[in-house]
Protein backbone atom coordinates (compact mmCIF):
# COMPACT_ATOMS: atom_id res chain seq x y z
CA MET A 1 0.00 0.00 0.00
CA LEU A 2 1.19 3.48 -0.84
CA ALA A 3 0.95 6.00 2.00
CA HIS A 4 1.95 9.63 1.86
CA ASN A 5 1.98 12.48 4.36
CA HIS A 6 2.47 15.96 3.03
CA ARG A 7 2.01 19.64 3.67
CA GLN A 8 2.41 21.91 0.65
CA THR A 9 4.50 25.06 0.69
CA ALA A 10 3.05 28.25 -0.66
CA ASP A 11 5.50 28.83 -3.50
CA GLY A 12 6.31 26.65 -6.48
CA PRO A 13 9.44 26.30 -8.60
CA ASP A 14 11.39 29.34 -9.72
CA SER A 15 9.27 31.21 -12.22
CA THR A 16 12.18 32.00 -14.55
CA THR A 17 12.87 28.30 -14.93
CA GLN A 18 9.19 27.63 -15.56
CA ARG A 19 8.91 30.25 -18.28
CA ALA A 20 11.89 28.88 -20.17
CA GLY A 21 9.81 26.11 -21.73
CA CYS A 22 6.87 28.29 -22.80
CA LYS A 23 6.56 29.33 -26.43
CA ASP A 24 4.15 32.17 -25.63
CA ALA A 25 5.69 33.37 -22.36
CA ALA A 26 5.51 37.12 -21.93
CA SER A 27 8.87 38.75 -22.54
CA THR A 28 8.46 41.20 -19.67
CA ARG A 29 6.80 41.18 -16.29
CA MET A 30 3.29 42.55 -16.11
CA ASP A 31 3.13 45.77 -14.09
CA ALA A 32 1.47 45.16 -10.71
CA SER A 33 -0.53 48.37 -11.22
CA ALA A 34 -2.10 46.97 -14.38
CA ALA A 35 -5.86 46.52 -14.35
CA PRO A 36 -6.61 43.90 -17.00
CA LYS A 37 -9.93 42.17 -17.34
CA VAL A 38 -9.39 38.44 -16.88
CA LEU A 39 -11.93 35.68 -17.51
CA VAL A 40 -11.21 32.18 -16.20
CA ILE A 41 -13.34 29.42 -17.71
CA ARG A 42 -13.56 26.18 -15.69
CA ARG A 43 -16.50 23.98 -16.59
CA ASP A 44 -15.39 20.74 -14.92
CA ASN A 45 -16.38 19.07 -11.67
CA ILE A 46 -16.22 20.43 -8.12
CA GLY A 47 -12.66 19.32 -7.42
CA ASP A 48 -11.35 20.84 -10.64
CA LEU A 49 -12.83 24.20 -9.73
CA VAL A 50 -11.36 24.05 -6.21
CA CYS A 51 -7.98 23.33 -7.78
CA THR A 52 -8.37 26.50 -9.84
CA THR A 53 -8.79 28.75 -6.79
CA PRO A 54 -4.99 28.94 -6.19
CA LEU A 55 -4.70 30.50 -9.65
CA LEU A 56 -7.42 33.02 -8.74
CA ARG A 57 -5.67 33.75 -5.45
CA ALA A 58 -2.36 34.41 -7.21
CA LEU A 59 -4.00 36.61 -9.84
CA ARG A 60 -5.61 38.77 -7.14
CA ALA A 61 -2.40 39.03 -5.13
CA GLN A 62 -0.27 40.04 -8.11
CA LEU A 63 -2.88 42.16 -9.94
CA PRO A 64 -4.94 43.77 -7.17
CA ALA A 65 -6.56 46.21 -9.61
CA ALA A 66 -7.60 43.56 -12.14
CA ARG A 67 -11.18 42.57 -12.83
CA ILE A 68 -11.32 38.80 -12.38
CA VAL A 69 -14.40 36.87 -13.50
CA VAL A 70 -14.99 33.13 -13.52
CA LEU A 71 -17.35 31.14 -15.71
CA ALA A 72 -18.28 27.78 -14.18
CA THR A 73 -21.19 25.37 -14.19
CA ARG A 74 -24.12 25.86 -11.85
CA TYR A 75 -23.33 22.40 -10.42
CA SER A 76 -20.00 23.67 -8.99
CA ALA A 77 -20.64 27.40 -8.63
CA ALA A 78 -21.02 27.34 -4.82
CA VAL A 79 -17.26 26.71 -4.63
CA LEU A 80 -16.79 30.36 -5.65
CA ALA A 81 -19.39 31.95 -3.36
CA GLY A 82 -17.82 34.54 -1.08
CA ASN A 83 -14.38 34.14 -2.65
CA PRO A 84 -12.56 37.48 -2.13
CA ASP A 85 -10.20 36.84 -5.05
CA ILE A 86 -12.80 37.35 -7.76
CA ASP A 87 -15.03 40.23 -8.77
CA ALA A 88 -17.82 38.12 -10.20
CA SER A 89 -18.76 34.60 -11.14
CA CYS A 90 -21.15 33.49 -13.86
CA SER A 91 -22.59 30.03 -14.19
CA TYR A 92 -24.51 28.04 -16.73
CA THR A 93 -26.34 24.74 -16.53
CA LYS A 94 -25.27 21.64 -18.39
CA ALA A 95 -28.23 19.86 -19.94
CA LYS A 96 -27.61 16.73 -17.85
CA HIS A 97 -27.77 18.80 -14.65
CA ARG A 98 -31.05 20.61 -15.30
CA ALA A 99 -33.55 20.46 -12.48
CA ALA A 100 -36.95 18.83 -12.62
CA GLY A 101 -39.30 21.02 -14.60
CA GLU A 102 -36.44 22.99 -16.14
CA SER A 103 -36.55 22.94 -19.93
CA ALA A 104 -33.55 22.42 -22.17
CA LEU A 105 -34.64 25.45 -24.21
CA GLY A 106 -34.65 27.60 -21.08
CA ILE A 107 -31.13 26.69 -20.04
CA TYR A 108 -29.79 27.30 -23.56
CA LEU A 109 -31.43 30.73 -23.67
CA GLN A 110 -29.86 31.54 -20.30
CA ARG A 111 -26.50 30.37 -21.65
CA ILE A 112 -26.76 32.73 -24.61
CA GLN A 113 -27.56 35.64 -22.29
CA THR A 114 -24.52 34.80 -20.16
CA ILE A 115 -22.26 34.66 -23.21
CA LEU A 116 -23.53 38.01 -24.49
CA ALA A 117 -23.04 39.64 -21.07
CA LEU A 118 -19.48 38.34 -20.89
CA ARG A 119 -18.78 39.38 -24.46
CA ARG A 120 -19.64 42.97 -23.55
CA GLU A 121 -16.88 42.92 -20.91
CA ARG A 122 -14.17 42.87 -23.62
CA PHE A 123 -11.67 40.79 -21.67
CA ASP A 124 -7.94 41.29 -22.03
CA TRP A 125 -7.23 37.67 -21.07
CA ILE A 126 -9.26 34.47 -21.23
CA LEU A 127 -7.67 31.57 -19.37
CA LEU A 128 -8.58 27.91 -19.79
CA PRO A 129 -6.80 26.12 -16.91
CA GLY A 130 -8.75 22.95 -17.68
CA GLY A 131 -7.05 22.58 -21.04
CA ALA A 132 -8.28 22.48 -24.61
CA GLN A 133 -11.75 21.08 -24.00
CA ALA A 134 -13.95 21.62 -27.03
CA SER A 135 -16.77 23.24 -25.05
CA SER A 136 -14.41 25.59 -23.19
CA LEU A 137 -12.81 26.64 -26.47
CA ARG A 138 -16.27 27.34 -27.91
CA PHE A 139 -17.13 29.54 -24.94
CA ALA A 140 -13.84 31.42 -25.34
CA ARG A 141 -14.44 31.93 -29.06
CA TRP A 142 -18.02 33.15 -28.56
CA ILE A 143 -17.06 35.51 -25.72
CA GLY A 144 -13.95 36.86 -27.42
CA GLY A 145 -10.91 38.43 -25.81
CA ALA A 146 -7.59 40.00 -26.67
CA ARG A 147 -5.50 37.00 -25.53
CA LEU A 148 -6.33 33.35 -24.95
CA LEU A 149 -4.19 31.04 -22.82
CA VAL A 150 -4.98 27.32 -22.81
CA ARG A 151 -3.25 24.93 -20.45
CA GLY A 152 -1.21 22.49 -22.51
CA ASP A 153 1.95 20.43 -22.70
CA GLU A 154 4.14 23.46 -22.01
CA ASP A 155 2.64 23.64 -18.52
CA LEU A 156 3.78 20.13 -17.58
CA VAL A 157 7.17 21.56 -16.57
CA ALA A 158 5.52 23.06 -13.49
CA GLY A 159 4.92 19.66 -11.89
CA PRO A 160 2.41 16.81 -11.92
CA HIS A 161 -0.35 18.38 -9.83
CA GLU A 162 -3.45 20.06 -11.25
CA VAL A 163 -2.72 23.17 -9.18
CA GLU A 164 0.87 23.41 -10.40
CA GLN A 165 -0.07 23.15 -14.04
CA SER A 166 -3.01 25.54 -13.75
CA CYS A 167 -0.88 28.13 -11.97
CA HIS A 168 1.79 27.87 -14.65
CA LEU A 169 -0.49 30.07 -16.75
CA LEU A 170 0.75 32.90 -14.50
CA SER A 171 4.22 32.59 -16.01
CA ARG A 172 2.78 32.72 -19.50
CA MET A 173 1.01 35.97 -18.58
CA GLY A 174 4.30 37.51 -17.46
CA LEU A 175 3.47 37.09 -13.78
CA ARG A 176 5.32 35.34 -10.96
CA TYR A 177 4.73 31.60 -10.77
CA GLU A 178 3.32 30.58 -7.40
CA THR A 179 0.98 27.91 -6.08
CA PRO A 180 -0.92 29.23 -3.05
CA ALA A 181 -3.41 27.17 -1.08
CA PRO A 182 -6.93 26.74 -2.46
CA ARG A 183 -9.74 28.78 -0.96
CA VAL A 184 -13.35 27.82 -0.28
CA VAL A 185 -15.51 30.11 1.85
CA PRO A 186 -18.55 28.70 3.72
CA ALA A 187 -21.68 30.83 3.73
CA SER A 188 -22.00 32.29 7.23
CA ASP A 189 -25.72 31.53 7.52
CA GLU A 190 -25.29 27.94 6.32
CA ARG A 191 -22.44 27.42 8.76
CA ALA A 192 -24.42 28.88 11.67
CA ARG A 193 -27.32 26.52 10.93
CA MET A 194 -24.89 23.61 10.75
CA VAL A 195 -23.35 24.49 14.12
CA ALA A 196 -26.81 24.72 15.70
CA ARG A 197 -27.89 21.40 14.21
CA ILE A 198 -24.80 19.62 15.51
CA ALA A 199 -25.15 21.18 18.97
CA ALA A 200 -28.75 19.96 19.14
CA ALA A 201 -27.79 16.44 18.06
CA LEU A 202 -24.78 15.94 20.34
CA PRO A 203 -25.19 16.16 24.12
CA ARG A 204 -21.72 17.69 24.43
CA ARG A 205 -18.98 18.98 22.20
CA PRO A 206 -16.41 16.22 21.59
CA SER A 207 -12.66 16.73 21.54
CA ARG A 208 -12.73 16.28 17.78
CA LEU A 209 -15.45 16.35 15.19
CA VAL A 210 -14.55 14.09 12.28
CA GLY A 211 -16.22 14.26 8.90
CA LEU A 212 -16.84 10.86 7.32
CA HIS A 213 -17.79 11.39 3.69
CA ILE A 214 -18.96 8.04 2.34
CA SER A 215 -19.93 8.89 -1.26
CA ALA A 216 -17.70 8.65 -4.31
CA ARG A 217 -18.53 8.96 -7.98
CA LYS A 218 -16.08 6.27 -9.13
CA PRO A 219 -16.73 2.71 -7.93
CA SER A 220 -13.00 2.23 -7.27
CA GLN A 221 -13.12 5.08 -4.72
CA ARG A 222 -15.85 3.58 -2.51
CA TRP A 223 -15.02 2.26 0.96
CA PRO A 224 -17.58 -0.21 2.38
CA ALA A 225 -20.17 0.84 4.94
CA GLU A 226 -18.84 -1.84 7.29
CA SER A 227 -15.38 -0.27 7.21
CA PHE A 228 -16.70 3.21 7.98
CA ALA A 229 -18.71 1.86 10.91
CA GLU A 230 -15.78 -0.09 12.36
CA LEU A 231 -13.51 2.93 12.04
CA ALA A 232 -16.07 5.13 13.82
CA ARG A 233 -16.20 2.67 16.72
CA ARG A 234 -12.44 2.83 17.09
CA LEU A 235 -12.18 6.60 16.91
CA ALA A 236 -15.15 7.16 19.22
CA ALA A 237 -13.04 5.72 22.03
CA GLU A 238 -10.76 8.74 21.56
CA ASP A 239 -13.59 11.18 22.33
CA SER A 240 -14.35 11.84 18.68
CA ALA A 241 -17.82 12.47 17.28
CA PHE A 242 -18.74 12.27 13.62
CA LEU A 243 -20.58 13.96 10.82
CA LEU A 244 -21.77 11.29 8.42
CA LEU A 245 -21.92 12.97 5.02
CA TRP A 246 -23.25 11.53 1.78
CA ALA A 247 -24.95 12.35 -1.49
CA PRO A 248 -28.67 11.75 -0.89
CA GLY A 249 -30.84 9.57 -3.07
CA GLY A 250 -30.85 6.04 -4.38
CA THR A 251 -28.21 4.25 -6.40
CA ASP A 252 -30.69 3.88 -9.25
CA ASN A 253 -30.65 7.61 -10.04
CA VAL A 254 -28.73 7.72 -13.34
CA GLN A 255 -27.85 11.43 -13.19
CA HIS A 256 -27.19 11.78 -9.48
CA PRO A 257 -26.74 8.38 -7.81
CA GLY A 258 -27.01 8.62 -4.04
CA ASP A 259 -25.97 6.67 -0.98
CA ASP A 260 -29.04 6.63 1.26
CA GLU A 261 -28.85 2.85 1.62
CA LYS A 262 -25.16 2.91 2.45
CA ALA A 263 -25.65 5.67 5.03
CA ALA A 264 -28.47 3.69 6.66
CA ARG A 265 -26.16 0.69 6.88
CA VAL A 266 -23.38 2.72 8.51
CA LEU A 267 -25.82 4.16 11.05
CA GLN A 268 -27.19 0.69 11.81
CA LEU A 269 -23.73 -0.77 12.41
CA ALA A 270 -22.58 2.26 14.40
CA ALA A 271 -25.68 2.51 16.58
CA GLY A 272 -25.03 4.22 19.88
CA LEU A 273 -22.07 6.26 18.65
CA PRO A 274 -22.10 10.09 18.54
CA ILE A 275 -22.91 10.47 14.84
CA VAL A 276 -24.84 13.28 13.19
CA ALA A 277 -26.34 12.15 9.87
CA LEU A 278 -26.14 14.90 7.24
CA PRO A 279 -27.19 14.12 3.68
CA THR A 280 -25.75 17.01 1.66
CA ARG A 281 -28.56 17.99 -0.69
CA ARG A 282 -26.73 21.06 -1.92
CA LEU A 283 -23.05 21.87 -2.34
CA GLU A 284 -23.51 24.75 0.12
CA HIS A 285 -24.52 22.16 2.76
CA LEU A 286 -21.39 20.11 2.14
CA ILE A 287 -19.14 23.16 2.38
CA ALA A 288 -20.75 24.27 5.65
CA ALA A 289 -20.56 20.77 7.15
CA LEU A 290 -16.90 20.28 6.28
CA SER A 291 -16.07 23.74 7.61
CA VAL A 292 -16.97 22.74 11.19
CA CYS A 293 -14.96 19.50 11.16
CA ASN A 294 -11.54 19.13 12.78
CA ALA A 295 -10.51 16.43 10.30
CA VAL A 296 -12.02 14.65 7.30
CA ILE A 297 -11.84 11.03 6.12
CA CYS A 298 -13.03 10.49 2.57
CA GLY A 299 -12.31 9.10 -0.86
CA ASP A 300 -10.72 11.09 -3.65
CA GLY A 301 -13.33 13.43 -5.10
CA GLY A 302 -15.04 16.77 -4.82
CA ALA A 303 -15.55 16.60 -1.05
CA MET A 304 -11.83 15.96 -0.54
CA HIS A 305 -10.90 19.05 -2.53
CA VAL A 306 -13.52 21.16 -0.76
CA ALA A 307 -12.01 20.05 2.57
CA ALA A 308 -8.59 21.08 1.27
CA GLY A 309 -10.00 24.47 0.28
CA LEU A 310 -11.21 24.81 3.88
CA ASP A 311 -7.72 23.87 5.18
CA LYS A 312 -8.93 20.70 6.90
CA PRO A 313 -6.50 17.84 7.63
CA ILE A 314 -7.53 14.87 5.50
CA VAL A 315 -7.16 11.11 5.37
CA CYS A 316 -7.88 10.42 1.72
CA LEU A 317 -8.50 7.03 0.14
CA PHE A 318 -7.43 6.75 -3.48
CA GLY A 319 -8.61 4.14 -5.99
CA GLN A 320 -8.15 4.39 -9.73
CA SER A 321 -6.91 7.95 -9.65
CA THR A 322 -3.51 9.58 -10.12
CA ALA A 323 -2.40 10.65 -6.66
CA ALA A 324 0.41 12.87 -7.95
CA ARG A 325 -2.10 14.95 -9.88
CA TRP A 326 -5.10 14.94 -7.56
CA HIS A 327 -3.88 14.70 -3.97
CA PRO A 328 -5.15 17.41 -1.57
CA TRP A 329 -3.33 20.70 -2.10
CA GLY A 330 -2.60 22.86 0.91
CA PRO A 331 -3.47 21.12 4.21
CA ALA A 332 -1.79 18.23 5.99
CA TYR A 333 -3.00 14.91 4.63
CA GLU A 334 -2.46 11.16 4.71
CA LEU A 335 -3.05 9.39 1.40
CA LEU A 336 -3.69 5.66 1.14
CA GLN A 337 -3.74 3.76 -2.14
CA MET A 338 -3.49 0.02 -2.76
CA PRO A 339 -1.50 -1.52 -5.64
CA GLY A 340 -4.78 -2.86 -7.02
CA MET A 341 -6.18 0.70 -7.07
CA GLU A 342 -9.35 -0.28 -5.19
CA VAL A 343 -10.35 1.66 -2.06
CA LYS A 344 -12.33 -1.31 -0.74
CA ASP A 345 -9.01 -3.14 -0.23
CA ILE A 346 -7.71 -0.54 2.27
CA SER A 347 -7.98 -1.94 5.79
CA VAL A 348 -9.56 -0.22 8.75
CA ASP A 349 -6.24 -0.65 10.56
CA ALA A 350 -4.45 1.32 7.84
CA VAL A 351 -6.96 4.18 7.99
CA ALA A 352 -6.81 4.26 11.79
CA ARG A 353 -3.00 4.48 11.64
CA ALA A 354 -3.19 7.25 9.05
CA TYR A 355 -5.64 9.16 11.24
CA ALA A 356 -3.29 8.81 14.24
CA ALA A 357 -0.42 10.11 12.12
CA LEU A 358 -2.58 13.03 11.03
CA LEU A 359 -3.32 13.88 14.66
CA GLY A 360 0.40 14.14 15.23
CA ASP A 361 0.65 16.64 12.37
CA GLY A 362 -1.38 19.37 14.01
CA VAL A 363 -5.07 18.49 13.98
CA LYS A 364 -6.83 20.96 16.28
């Protein structure tokens, strides 16, 4: 089994070295007093958008007068709510994510209105940190802009991680290469409601509140309910209480499969333990719940990256995913991955040891 413990530093490799391999690197540094209009398009999943927030953070720090706008999907847009590094965010709905009663025609009309509004901004830069995806390139072409930067092979010199390669676009803009921590900001009202709900459910505040996120999109990333329950029993002896977090719904939902049955099984096996059951019906709920945890145990996925954006220590369970590219960026973490690339093969003993190691790395 592969196990890693890391804490990222704020700065990446020397920016001069990074720029050396870029065909379109700016020949001079951009003046910090410049006020360009910058549009960042990131239409991927939740974790991808979280991994773009270090780029936004660096842009704001180096170009405080810039206008920075992000175009994302409605599915992931809550990641950007309250982010002080951007001036505005726009979102659109993918057809597969439309709500019940929402027409395809309606979402396409809204998309056209969004494109026209962004086109009127007349951006100086459009950045595609997600690479040359056909849909992102279409958005960039329709919106228009003076300069377009697309993450590509020239950005591989920055390192293997998604954050490193995304932030390498800074060098190509003539800015300093850096890789700050990601940033996710919980809504204050959502967080207050979460705190009140937990206080009502637990007779007393435990020494540590541990988030157990049991859902994962990829089958290889799913840890069994029995393993989560056994782990909870072990950690409860250390005066820990738990937030049991999962995507609600049934497994038969094609668009948004849920884990209601799995959560019920965990709760049955862990009966009598201090567990607060929290199905996260909206991304805002997940962000608020993770924000009150002292540590998080989860599979690789959106929740893991949200936890990283909230600076939460993480024990992360990796299946068929590239750890070098997708490990948590920023906080302390313990990463477990089996040679067979199946999370179900990771033992409870291994996770318990990783959690103990994480406690020794500054969990508060």
